[in-house]
Amino acid sequence: TAEDSRGTQLHRALRKATKLPVSTRCITPGTRCKVPSQCCRGPCKNGRCTPSPSEW
C-alpha cells in the first residue's frame, strides 16, 4: 500500500542519517572551524566554535 512505501522511505532516510557521525553535521564549541554553519551552537570566532550567548 501507499502507507507501506511511505514508511519504508522514512526508514531509509532515518538509517542514512544515523550512519553519519555527528561531527559531519556540526561541531561542539571550542572545536576548530572554518565556517559558522559547522558549529552546533553559536558563531565561529578566531577559528573556533564559540557557544551562543544564550548558553552562558
N, C-alpha and C. Protein backbone atom coordinates (compact mmCIF):
# COMPACT_ATOMS: atom_id res chain seq x y z
N THR A 1 0.83 -1.21 0.00
CA THR A 1 0.00 0.00 0.00
C THR A 1 0.86 1.26 0.00
N ALA A 2 0.25 2.37 -0.27
CA ALA A 2 0.98 3.64 -0.26
C ALA A 2 1.54 3.92 1.13
N GLU A 3 0.78 3.54 2.13
CA GLU A 3 1.21 3.74 3.52
C GLU A 3 2.52 3.00 3.79
N ASP A 4 2.61 1.77 3.28
CA ASP A 4 3.80 0.95 3.48
C ASP A 4 5.03 1.60 2.85
N SER A 5 4.89 2.02 1.59
CA SER A 5 6.04 2.58 0.88
C SER A 5 6.52 3.87 1.55
N ARG A 6 5.58 4.63 2.10
CA ARG A 6 5.97 5.87 2.76
C ARG A 6 6.78 5.56 4.01
N GLY A 7 6.35 4.55 4.74
CA GLY A 7 7.07 4.13 5.94
C GLY A 7 8.47 3.65 5.60
N THR A 8 8.59 2.92 4.48
CA THR A 8 9.89 2.40 4.06
C THR A 8 10.83 3.55 3.70
N GLN A 9 10.31 4.53 2.98
CA GLN A 9 11.14 5.68 2.60
C GLN A 9 11.63 6.42 3.84
N LEU A 10 10.74 6.59 4.81
CA LEU A 10 11.12 7.27 6.04
C LEU A 10 12.20 6.50 6.76
N HIS A 11 12.04 5.18 6.81
CA HIS A 11 13.01 4.32 7.48
C HIS A 11 14.37 4.43 6.81
N ARG A 12 14.39 4.44 5.48
CA ARG A 12 15.65 4.56 4.75
C ARG A 12 16.33 5.88 5.07
N ALA A 13 15.54 6.94 5.08
CA ALA A 13 16.09 8.27 5.35
C ALA A 13 16.70 8.32 6.75
N LEU A 14 16.00 7.72 7.70
CA LEU A 14 16.50 7.68 9.08
C LEU A 14 17.80 6.92 9.16
N ARG A 15 17.85 5.77 8.48
CA ARG A 15 19.04 4.94 8.53
C ARG A 15 20.23 5.69 7.94
N LYS A 16 19.98 6.41 6.86
CA LYS A 16 21.03 7.17 6.20
C LYS A 16 21.56 8.26 7.14
N ALA A 17 20.64 8.90 7.86
CA ALA A 17 21.01 9.99 8.76
C ALA A 17 21.83 9.49 9.94
N THR A 18 21.45 8.33 10.48
CA THR A 18 22.14 7.83 11.66
C THR A 18 23.52 7.28 11.33
N LYS A 19 23.76 6.98 10.06
CA LYS A 19 25.05 6.44 9.67
C LYS A 19 26.14 7.51 9.76
N LEU A 20 25.76 8.76 9.53
CA LEU A 20 26.72 9.85 9.58
C LEU A 20 27.16 10.13 11.01
N PRO A 21 28.46 10.28 11.24
CA PRO A 21 28.91 10.70 12.57
C PRO A 21 28.44 12.13 12.83
N VAL A 22 28.23 12.46 14.07
CA VAL A 22 27.72 13.78 14.44
C VAL A 22 28.65 14.88 13.95
N SER A 23 29.94 14.59 13.93
CA SER A 23 30.94 15.60 13.58
C SER A 23 30.77 16.15 12.17
N THR A 24 30.15 15.37 11.28
CA THR A 24 29.98 15.85 9.91
C THR A 24 28.85 16.86 9.83
N ARG A 25 27.92 16.79 10.79
CA ARG A 25 26.78 17.70 10.77
C ARG A 25 27.14 19.01 11.47
N CYS A 26 27.69 18.91 12.66
CA CYS A 26 28.08 20.12 13.39
C CYS A 26 29.14 19.77 14.43
N ILE A 27 29.87 20.76 14.86
CA ILE A 27 30.93 20.53 15.84
C ILE A 27 30.68 21.35 17.10
N THR A 28 31.18 20.86 18.21
CA THR A 28 30.91 21.47 19.50
C THR A 28 31.75 22.72 19.75
N PRO A 29 31.30 23.60 20.64
CA PRO A 29 32.07 24.81 20.97
C PRO A 29 33.49 24.45 21.40
N GLY A 30 34.46 25.26 20.99
CA GLY A 30 35.85 25.02 21.32
C GLY A 30 36.59 24.25 20.24
N THR A 31 35.84 23.68 19.30
CA THR A 31 36.44 22.92 18.21
C THR A 31 36.82 23.86 17.07
N ARG A 32 37.92 23.56 16.39
CA ARG A 32 38.33 24.38 15.26
C ARG A 32 37.26 24.37 14.17
N CYS A 33 37.08 25.52 13.50
CA CYS A 33 36.07 25.61 12.46
C CYS A 33 36.51 26.60 11.39
N LYS A 34 35.88 26.48 10.24
CA LYS A 34 36.16 27.41 9.15
C LYS A 34 34.95 28.29 8.87
N VAL A 35 33.76 27.71 8.98
CA VAL A 35 32.53 28.46 8.73
C VAL A 35 31.55 28.27 9.88
N PRO A 36 30.77 29.31 10.20
CA PRO A 36 29.83 29.24 11.33
C PRO A 36 28.86 28.07 11.23
N SER A 37 28.47 27.70 10.02
CA SER A 37 27.49 26.63 9.85
C SER A 37 28.01 25.28 10.33
N GLN A 38 29.33 25.16 10.53
CA GLN A 38 29.90 23.92 11.04
C GLN A 38 29.58 23.74 12.52
N CYS A 39 29.35 24.86 13.22
CA CYS A 39 29.19 24.82 14.67
C CYS A 39 27.77 24.45 15.07
N CYS A 40 27.66 23.57 16.09
CA CYS A 40 26.35 23.17 16.61
C CYS A 40 25.63 24.39 17.14
N ARG A 41 26.33 25.19 17.93
CA ARG A 41 25.73 26.38 18.53
C ARG A 41 26.71 27.53 18.41
N GLY A 42 26.16 28.70 18.14
CA GLY A 42 26.98 29.90 18.16
C GLY A 42 27.86 30.06 16.93
N PRO A 43 28.56 31.18 16.86
CA PRO A 43 29.39 31.54 15.71
C PRO A 43 30.76 30.89 15.74
N CYS A 44 31.47 31.04 14.63
CA CYS A 44 32.86 30.58 14.54
C CYS A 44 33.74 31.81 14.71
N LYS A 45 34.40 31.91 15.85
CA LYS A 45 35.24 33.08 16.12
C LYS A 45 36.69 32.68 16.33
N ASN A 46 37.60 33.42 15.69
CA ASN A 46 39.03 33.14 15.81
C ASN A 46 39.35 31.68 15.50
N GLY A 47 38.62 31.12 14.53
CA GLY A 47 38.90 29.75 14.11
C GLY A 47 38.35 28.69 15.03
N ARG A 48 37.54 29.10 16.01
CA ARG A 48 36.94 28.12 16.92
C ARG A 48 35.46 28.39 17.12
N CYS A 49 34.71 27.31 17.33
CA CYS A 49 33.29 27.47 17.62
C CYS A 49 33.12 28.03 19.02
N THR A 50 32.29 29.05 19.13
CA THR A 50 32.01 29.61 20.45
C THR A 50 30.54 29.36 20.78
N PRO A 51 30.24 29.09 22.04
CA PRO A 51 28.84 28.87 22.42
C PRO A 51 28.04 30.15 22.19
N SER A 52 26.78 30.00 21.84
CA SER A 52 25.94 31.18 21.65
C SER A 52 25.72 31.87 22.99
N PRO A 53 25.50 33.18 22.99
CA PRO A 53 25.34 33.94 24.24
C PRO A 53 24.31 33.33 25.18
N SER A 54 23.26 32.74 24.63
CA SER A 54 22.21 32.17 25.47
C SER A 54 22.68 30.96 26.26
N GLU A 55 23.83 30.42 25.89
CA GLU A 55 24.35 29.23 26.56
C GLU A 55 25.10 29.59 27.84
N TRP A 56 25.53 30.83 27.96
CA TRP A 56 26.36 31.21 29.10
C TRP A 56 25.60 31.20 30.40
